[in-house]
Amino acid sequence: MMHVVRSRQAAASGIPWWAVLSALVRGASSTASQDRQGRVHHTWEKVEITLRAGNSYQNPYNEVTVWVDLKGPGFEKRCYGFWDGGDRFRVRVLATTQGTWSWRSGSRPVDPGLDGVRGSFEAVEWSEREKQENPCRRGMIRPTPNGHAFQYADGTPFFLLGDTWWAAPTFRFRWLDRDPRPLGPGAGFQDFVAYRRRQGFNCVAMIAAFPSWHNDGLPPMVKTADGVVLRSAWREPSAKAPGTMSAKSMTDEAGNRPFLFPGKIPGYESIVPDLERINPAYFQSLDRKIDYLNAQGFVPFIEVTRRDIGQAWKKYHPWPESYTRFIQYVWSRYQANI
């Protein structure tokens, strides 16, 4: 319940009380000092906190760092977030044990929409039956006490049986919004997951980004005049240049690539993107695949980028700051997935 007191200043100035109330409500909804009280979540379940920047930025990915200080039973750590397009920033956290959890946001530089937001949520434990249905509900994978094997957070043994789907984030493992189909030309990502699940697999390895791979009619191997490797891709026949072999495209289902163009390398702006400008839409497509894997009891093993981009990244972008920023971006985006 909110109590409203008509101020003397408003009365004296002739401003209607409802106009003052409207301004107060708008201010309360936009200020970063407000509290947010969330719903009940399960332990080891992703909790997404969405924040809206109050200031404008030319390149939020490169200019803003956002986080929440998360506190819970026996837990107190800073968890970093990421830019997700427009004025949206997200921080994804989870509860490692049941009880009351609280958080307070911060940002660098200080932003009125990102700094000082508070919230809380309750966490409850999964039942043993629910854990048997999906072992990811047992928590993060960690080494056993003797360091010779893996186990879930609750101590249940984890025997890793994985498959390498390096291109899983792309259209080559198509996300299809329809009923399951048998394996074949019409199969999609969910069908492949179901097939491996029946075989007892519990892990999928993938590469989050192939920045310079595209079926552009140019050779799969591209170097600068001084020998810097810009691309060393898998081959695919090029429709644009018959008789040649070009690089395999690695977009998502909508044609999005992980970074934006044009790039910064003189003469190669259409081959290597600007590795300082992220494309959130590409990673939003990956989000649903990572979430689906967890929902089916799979643990994703994510390599942040194809290694052939390393030389170009080091020579033409701030190094190692630019590369570590991307590592932190991928980590922050999926830190609350098992």
Protein backbone atom coordinates (compact mmCIF):
# COMPACT_ATOMS: atom_id res chain seq x y z
CA MET A 1 0.00 0.00 0.00
CA MET A 2 1.28 3.48 -0.88
CA HIS A 3 0.36 6.54 1.16
CA VAL A 4 0.07 9.79 -0.79
CA VAL A 5 0.55 13.15 0.90
CA ARG A 6 -0.27 16.27 -1.09
CA SER A 7 2.70 18.58 -0.69
CA ARG A 8 2.27 22.20 0.40
CA GLN A 9 4.44 23.31 -2.51
CA ALA A 10 2.15 21.58 -4.98
CA ALA A 11 -0.93 23.06 -3.35
CA ALA A 12 0.58 26.52 -3.32
CA SER A 13 1.61 26.33 -6.94
CA GLY A 14 -1.78 25.11 -8.06
CA ILE A 15 -0.43 21.82 -9.44
CA PRO A 16 -3.15 19.13 -9.17
CA TRP A 17 -2.41 16.39 -6.64
CA TRP A 18 -2.89 13.70 -9.29
CA ALA A 19 -0.14 15.26 -11.44
CA VAL A 20 2.25 15.09 -8.50
CA LEU A 21 1.28 11.47 -7.87
CA SER A 22 1.78 10.60 -11.55
CA ALA A 23 5.26 12.11 -11.51
CA LEU A 24 6.13 10.27 -8.33
CA VAL A 25 4.98 6.96 -9.77
CA ARG A 26 6.93 7.50 -12.99
CA GLY A 27 9.98 8.41 -10.97
CA ALA A 28 9.61 5.35 -8.76
CA SER A 29 9.38 3.08 -11.78
CA SER A 30 12.51 4.50 -13.41
CA THR A 31 14.80 5.03 -10.45
CA ALA A 32 17.48 2.45 -9.75
CA SER A 33 16.86 2.46 -6.00
CA GLN A 34 13.65 0.47 -6.23
CA ASP A 35 13.33 -3.03 -4.80
CA ARG A 36 12.19 -6.06 -6.75
CA GLN A 37 10.73 -9.07 -5.05
CA GLY A 38 10.85 -12.15 -7.26
CA ARG A 39 8.91 -15.37 -7.31
CA VAL A 40 9.99 -18.69 -5.83
CA HIS A 41 12.67 -20.56 -7.80
CA HIS A 42 14.27 -23.95 -7.44
CA THR A 43 17.90 -24.40 -6.52
CA TRP A 44 20.20 -24.61 -9.55
CA GLU A 45 17.52 -22.94 -11.68
CA LYS A 46 18.45 -19.89 -13.75
CA VAL A 47 17.13 -16.59 -12.41
CA GLU A 48 17.28 -13.75 -14.92
CA ILE A 49 17.51 -10.14 -13.75
CA THR A 50 16.75 -7.54 -16.43
CA LEU A 51 17.96 -3.97 -16.06
CA ARG A 52 17.33 -0.98 -18.33
CA ALA A 53 20.08 1.57 -18.84
CA GLY A 54 19.16 5.18 -18.12
CA ASN A 55 21.94 6.61 -20.29
CA SER A 56 22.72 6.11 -23.98
CA TYR A 57 25.91 4.50 -25.26
CA GLN A 58 27.44 4.13 -28.70
CA ASN A 59 28.66 0.61 -27.94
CA PRO A 60 27.20 -0.73 -24.67
CA TYR A 61 29.04 -4.05 -25.07
CA ASN A 62 32.35 -2.21 -24.99
CA GLU A 63 31.52 0.67 -22.68
CA VAL A 64 29.46 -0.72 -19.78
CA THR A 65 30.09 -3.34 -17.12
CA VAL A 66 27.11 -4.45 -15.03
CA TRP A 67 26.82 -6.83 -12.08
CA VAL A 68 24.83 -7.84 -9.03
CA ASP A 69 26.19 -8.63 -5.60
CA LEU A 70 24.36 -11.85 -4.74
CA LYS A 71 23.86 -13.05 -1.17
CA GLY A 72 22.32 -16.27 0.08
CA PRO A 73 22.85 -18.94 2.73
CA GLY A 74 26.63 -19.41 2.92
CA PHE A 75 27.09 -17.45 -0.31
CA GLU A 76 28.22 -13.90 -1.13
CA LYS A 77 29.69 -13.16 -4.56
CA ARG A 78 29.65 -10.63 -7.38
CA CYS A 79 28.01 -11.98 -10.55
CA TYR A 80 28.55 -10.10 -13.81
CA GLY A 81 25.98 -9.49 -16.51
CA PHE A 82 25.91 -8.63 -20.19
CA TRP A 83 24.37 -6.30 -22.73
CA ASP A 84 21.47 -7.87 -24.65
CA GLY A 85 20.54 -5.19 -27.18
CA GLY A 86 18.98 -1.73 -26.96
CA ASP A 87 18.99 -0.48 -23.37
CA ARG A 88 18.68 -4.02 -21.92
CA PHE A 89 21.26 -5.58 -19.65
CA ARG A 90 20.79 -8.95 -17.99
CA VAL A 91 22.41 -10.74 -15.08
CA ARG A 92 21.76 -14.47 -14.76
CA VAL A 93 22.23 -16.08 -11.37
CA LEU A 94 21.07 -19.15 -9.48
CA ALA A 95 20.66 -20.33 -5.92
CA THR A 96 23.06 -23.04 -4.77
CA THR A 97 20.91 -23.91 -1.75
CA GLN A 98 17.38 -23.33 -0.52
CA GLY A 99 16.53 -20.20 1.41
CA THR A 100 16.27 -16.44 0.90
CA TRP A 101 18.51 -14.78 -1.68
CA SER A 102 19.02 -11.07 -2.25
CA TRP A 103 20.93 -8.95 -4.74
CA ARG A 104 21.96 -5.37 -5.43
CA SER A 105 23.08 -4.17 -8.84
CA GLY A 106 26.03 -2.00 -9.80
CA SER A 107 27.58 -0.67 -12.98
CA ARG A 108 30.68 0.99 -14.36
CA PRO A 109 30.21 3.77 -15.31
CA VAL A 110 27.45 4.43 -12.81
CA ASP A 111 24.12 4.46 -14.66
CA PRO A 112 20.80 5.53 -13.08
CA GLY A 113 19.02 2.50 -14.50
CA LEU A 114 21.68 -0.10 -13.78
CA ASP A 115 23.11 0.88 -10.41
CA GLY A 116 21.47 0.38 -7.03
CA VAL A 117 18.57 -1.86 -8.02
CA ARG A 118 17.71 -4.37 -5.29
CA GLY A 119 15.79 -7.59 -5.33
CA SER A 120 15.24 -10.91 -3.63
CA PHE A 121 13.81 -14.36 -4.27
CA GLU A 122 13.18 -17.58 -2.43
CA ALA A 123 14.75 -20.89 -3.45
CA VAL A 124 13.33 -24.32 -2.73
CA GLU A 125 14.91 -27.73 -3.27
CA TRP A 126 13.93 -30.14 -6.04
CA SER A 127 12.44 -33.44 -4.95
CA GLU A 128 14.44 -36.62 -5.50
CA ARG A 129 11.95 -37.69 -8.17
CA GLU A 130 12.47 -34.40 -10.01
CA LYS A 131 16.22 -34.84 -9.83
CA GLN A 132 15.94 -38.31 -11.31
CA GLU A 133 13.90 -36.88 -14.18
CA ASN A 134 16.63 -34.33 -14.92
CA PRO A 135 20.07 -34.76 -13.32
CA CYS A 136 20.98 -31.13 -14.08
CA ARG A 137 18.81 -30.31 -11.07
CA ARG A 138 21.55 -31.81 -8.91
CA GLY A 139 23.75 -28.78 -9.58
CA MET A 140 27.00 -27.76 -11.23
CA ILE A 141 29.60 -30.31 -12.28
CA ARG A 142 32.73 -30.35 -10.14
CA PRO A 143 35.71 -32.62 -9.47
CA THR A 144 35.37 -35.40 -6.94
CA PRO A 145 37.33 -34.91 -3.69
CA ASN A 146 40.22 -37.03 -5.00
CA GLY A 147 40.30 -35.09 -8.27
CA HIS A 148 39.99 -38.23 -10.41
CA ALA A 149 36.40 -37.91 -11.64
CA PHE A 150 33.35 -35.65 -11.87
CA GLN A 151 30.26 -35.29 -9.71
CA TYR A 152 27.20 -33.06 -9.43
CA ALA A 153 27.05 -30.51 -6.64
CA ASP A 154 25.03 -32.91 -4.47
CA GLY A 155 27.76 -35.58 -4.75
CA THR A 156 26.06 -37.79 -7.34
CA PRO A 157 28.67 -39.22 -9.76
CA PHE A 158 28.76 -37.69 -13.24
CA PHE A 159 30.20 -39.87 -15.99
CA LEU A 160 30.70 -37.55 -18.94
CA LEU A 161 29.54 -39.00 -22.26
CA GLY A 162 29.64 -36.25 -24.85
CA ASP A 163 29.35 -35.59 -28.55
CA THR A 164 31.04 -32.80 -30.58
CA TRP A 165 28.49 -30.56 -32.25
CA TRP A 166 30.90 -27.68 -32.90
CA ALA A 167 28.38 -25.86 -35.11
CA ALA A 168 25.43 -26.36 -32.73
CA PRO A 169 24.81 -22.58 -32.32
CA THR A 170 24.24 -22.26 -36.08
CA PHE A 171 21.55 -23.18 -38.61
CA ARG A 172 23.42 -26.43 -39.27
CA PHE A 173 21.70 -27.74 -36.15
CA ARG A 174 18.37 -26.15 -36.99
CA TRP A 175 15.95 -25.13 -34.27
CA LEU A 176 12.54 -26.27 -35.47
CA ASP A 177 9.29 -25.22 -33.81
CA ARG A 178 7.34 -28.36 -34.55
CA ASP A 179 6.74 -31.92 -33.38
CA PRO A 180 9.74 -34.28 -33.22
CA ARG A 181 10.74 -36.12 -36.37
CA PRO A 182 12.99 -39.12 -37.02
CA LEU A 183 16.60 -38.46 -37.96
CA GLY A 184 16.99 -37.49 -41.59
CA PRO A 185 16.93 -34.40 -43.83
CA GLY A 186 13.98 -32.94 -41.92
CA ALA A 187 15.48 -33.40 -38.45
CA GLY A 188 16.50 -30.52 -36.23
CA PHE A 189 18.36 -29.68 -33.05
CA GLN A 190 15.73 -31.12 -30.72
CA ASP A 191 15.66 -34.39 -32.67
CA PHE A 192 19.41 -34.80 -32.38
CA VAL A 193 19.21 -34.14 -28.64
CA ALA A 194 16.46 -36.76 -28.24
CA TYR A 195 18.50 -39.31 -30.21
CA ARG A 196 21.62 -38.82 -28.10
CA ARG A 197 19.58 -38.83 -24.90
CA ARG A 198 18.19 -42.26 -25.74
CA GLN A 199 21.77 -43.43 -26.19
CA GLY A 200 22.78 -42.20 -22.73
CA PHE A 201 24.73 -39.08 -23.70
CA ASN A 202 24.80 -36.17 -21.24
CA CYS A 203 27.12 -33.55 -22.78
CA VAL A 204 27.41 -31.62 -26.05
CA ALA A 205 30.56 -29.70 -27.05
CA MET A 206 30.17 -26.62 -29.23
CA ILE A 207 31.93 -23.47 -30.42
CA ALA A 208 30.03 -20.29 -29.54
CA ALA A 209 31.22 -18.23 -32.52
CA PHE A 210 32.84 -18.60 -35.95
CA PRO A 211 33.44 -14.87 -36.58
CA SER A 212 34.88 -14.90 -40.11
CA TRP A 213 33.27 -18.02 -41.60
CA HIS A 214 30.91 -17.33 -44.48
CA ASN A 215 30.12 -18.77 -47.89
CA ASP A 216 31.28 -15.59 -49.68
CA GLY A 217 32.96 -17.07 -52.77
CA LEU A 218 36.42 -16.52 -51.33
CA PRO A 219 38.74 -19.38 -50.33
CA PRO A 220 38.24 -21.01 -46.94
CA MET A 221 41.81 -19.95 -46.07
CA VAL A 222 42.36 -16.19 -46.14
CA LYS A 223 45.58 -14.41 -45.09
CA THR A 224 46.82 -10.85 -45.24
CA ALA A 225 49.85 -9.97 -47.36
CA ASP A 226 52.08 -10.30 -44.31
CA GLY A 227 50.73 -13.75 -43.44
CA VAL A 228 48.17 -13.01 -40.71
CA VAL A 229 45.48 -15.71 -40.81
CA LEU A 230 42.00 -14.20 -41.10
CA ARG A 231 40.13 -17.43 -41.74
CA SER A 232 40.88 -21.16 -41.86
CA ALA A 233 37.45 -22.67 -42.37
CA TRP A 234 35.85 -25.94 -43.36
CA ARG A 235 35.19 -26.08 -47.08
CA GLU A 236 31.85 -25.73 -48.79
CA PRO A 237 31.10 -25.39 -52.53
CA SER A 238 30.28 -21.76 -53.24
CA ALA A 239 27.07 -20.90 -55.09
CA LYS A 240 28.47 -17.43 -55.84
CA ALA A 241 31.62 -18.70 -57.52
CA PRO A 242 30.97 -22.09 -59.19
CA GLY A 243 33.98 -24.32 -59.40
CA THR A 244 35.63 -22.89 -56.29
CA MET A 245 35.52 -24.03 -52.68
CA SER A 246 34.51 -21.39 -50.15
CA ALA A 247 34.03 -21.34 -46.38
CA LYS A 248 31.02 -22.84 -44.64
CA SER A 249 28.59 -20.21 -43.39
CA MET A 250 28.03 -20.19 -39.64
CA THR A 251 24.98 -18.00 -39.05
CA ASP A 252 22.00 -18.73 -36.85
CA GLU A 253 18.66 -19.73 -38.38
CA ALA A 254 17.80 -16.08 -39.07
CA GLY A 255 21.12 -15.30 -40.76
CA ASN A 256 22.63 -13.51 -37.75
CA ARG A 257 26.37 -13.62 -37.20
CA PRO A 258 28.01 -13.20 -33.75
CA PHE A 259 29.70 -9.85 -34.52
CA LEU A 260 28.75 -6.87 -36.67
CA PHE A 261 30.18 -5.66 -39.97
CA PRO A 262 32.03 -3.83 -41.41
CA GLY A 263 35.23 -4.92 -39.76
CA LYS A 264 38.39 -2.97 -38.92
CA ILE A 265 40.98 -4.71 -41.09
CA PRO A 266 41.76 -2.57 -44.15
CA GLY A 267 40.78 -4.39 -47.32
CA TYR A 268 39.08 -7.21 -45.43
CA GLU A 269 36.17 -5.35 -43.83
CA SER A 270 33.63 -7.78 -45.30
CA ILE A 271 35.51 -10.93 -44.20
CA VAL A 272 36.44 -10.27 -40.57
CA PRO A 273 33.82 -8.44 -38.48
CA ASP A 274 34.38 -5.75 -35.90
CA LEU A 275 35.22 -7.91 -32.90
CA GLU A 276 34.45 -4.96 -30.62
CA ARG A 277 30.75 -4.93 -31.64
CA ILE A 278 28.65 -7.91 -30.55
CA ASN A 279 25.38 -8.99 -32.19
CA PRO A 280 23.00 -9.96 -29.34
CA ALA A 281 20.45 -11.52 -31.73
CA TYR A 282 22.87 -14.33 -32.58
CA PHE A 283 23.38 -15.20 -28.93
CA GLN A 284 19.67 -15.00 -28.19
CA SER A 285 19.28 -17.86 -30.66
CA LEU A 286 21.96 -19.78 -28.81
CA ASP A 287 20.22 -19.14 -25.46
CA ARG A 288 17.26 -21.33 -26.34
CA LYS A 289 19.52 -24.20 -27.39
CA ILE A 290 21.55 -24.04 -24.18
CA ASP A 291 18.36 -23.89 -22.10
CA TYR A 292 16.92 -26.83 -24.04
CA LEU A 293 20.04 -28.92 -23.44
CA ASN A 294 19.78 -28.28 -19.69
CA ALA A 295 16.06 -29.12 -19.74
CA GLN A 296 16.93 -32.49 -21.30
CA GLY A 297 19.65 -33.25 -18.76
CA PHE A 298 22.60 -32.26 -20.97
CA VAL A 299 25.61 -30.17 -19.93
CA PRO A 300 26.96 -27.89 -22.70
CA PHE A 301 30.73 -27.66 -23.12
CA ILE A 302 31.35 -24.27 -24.76
CA GLU A 303 34.50 -23.16 -26.55
CA VAL A 304 34.17 -19.38 -26.91
CA THR A 305 35.40 -19.00 -30.50
CA ARG A 306 37.01 -20.87 -33.38
CA ARG A 307 40.77 -20.62 -32.95
CA ASP A 308 41.49 -19.40 -36.50
CA ILE A 309 40.40 -15.86 -35.50
CA GLY A 310 43.17 -15.51 -32.92
CA GLN A 311 45.87 -13.89 -35.06
CA ALA A 312 43.54 -11.25 -36.49
CA TRP A 313 42.06 -10.53 -33.08
CA LYS A 314 45.48 -10.00 -31.57
CA LYS A 315 46.85 -7.76 -34.33
CA TYR A 316 43.85 -5.58 -35.18
CA HIS A 317 41.97 -5.25 -31.89
CA PRO A 318 43.01 -4.32 -28.33
CA TRP A 319 44.73 -7.40 -26.96
CA PRO A 320 44.12 -9.10 -24.62
CA GLU A 321 41.37 -6.76 -23.33
CA SER A 322 39.06 -7.29 -26.32
CA TYR A 323 39.36 -11.06 -26.23
CA THR A 324 38.92 -11.34 -22.48
CA ARG A 325 35.83 -9.14 -22.75
CA PHE A 326 34.29 -11.65 -25.13
CA ILE A 327 35.21 -14.54 -22.83
CA GLN A 328 33.48 -12.71 -19.97
CA TYR A 329 30.46 -12.06 -22.22
CA VAL A 330 30.01 -15.76 -23.00
CA TRP A 331 30.66 -16.71 -19.37
CA SER A 332 28.18 -14.16 -18.02
CA ARG A 333 25.53 -15.18 -20.52
CA TYR A 334 25.69 -18.86 -19.55
CA GLN A 335 27.03 -18.83 -15.98
CA ALA A 336 23.60 -19.79 -14.62
CA ASN A 337 23.24 -22.79 -16.94
CA ILE A 338 24.47 -26.14 -15.67
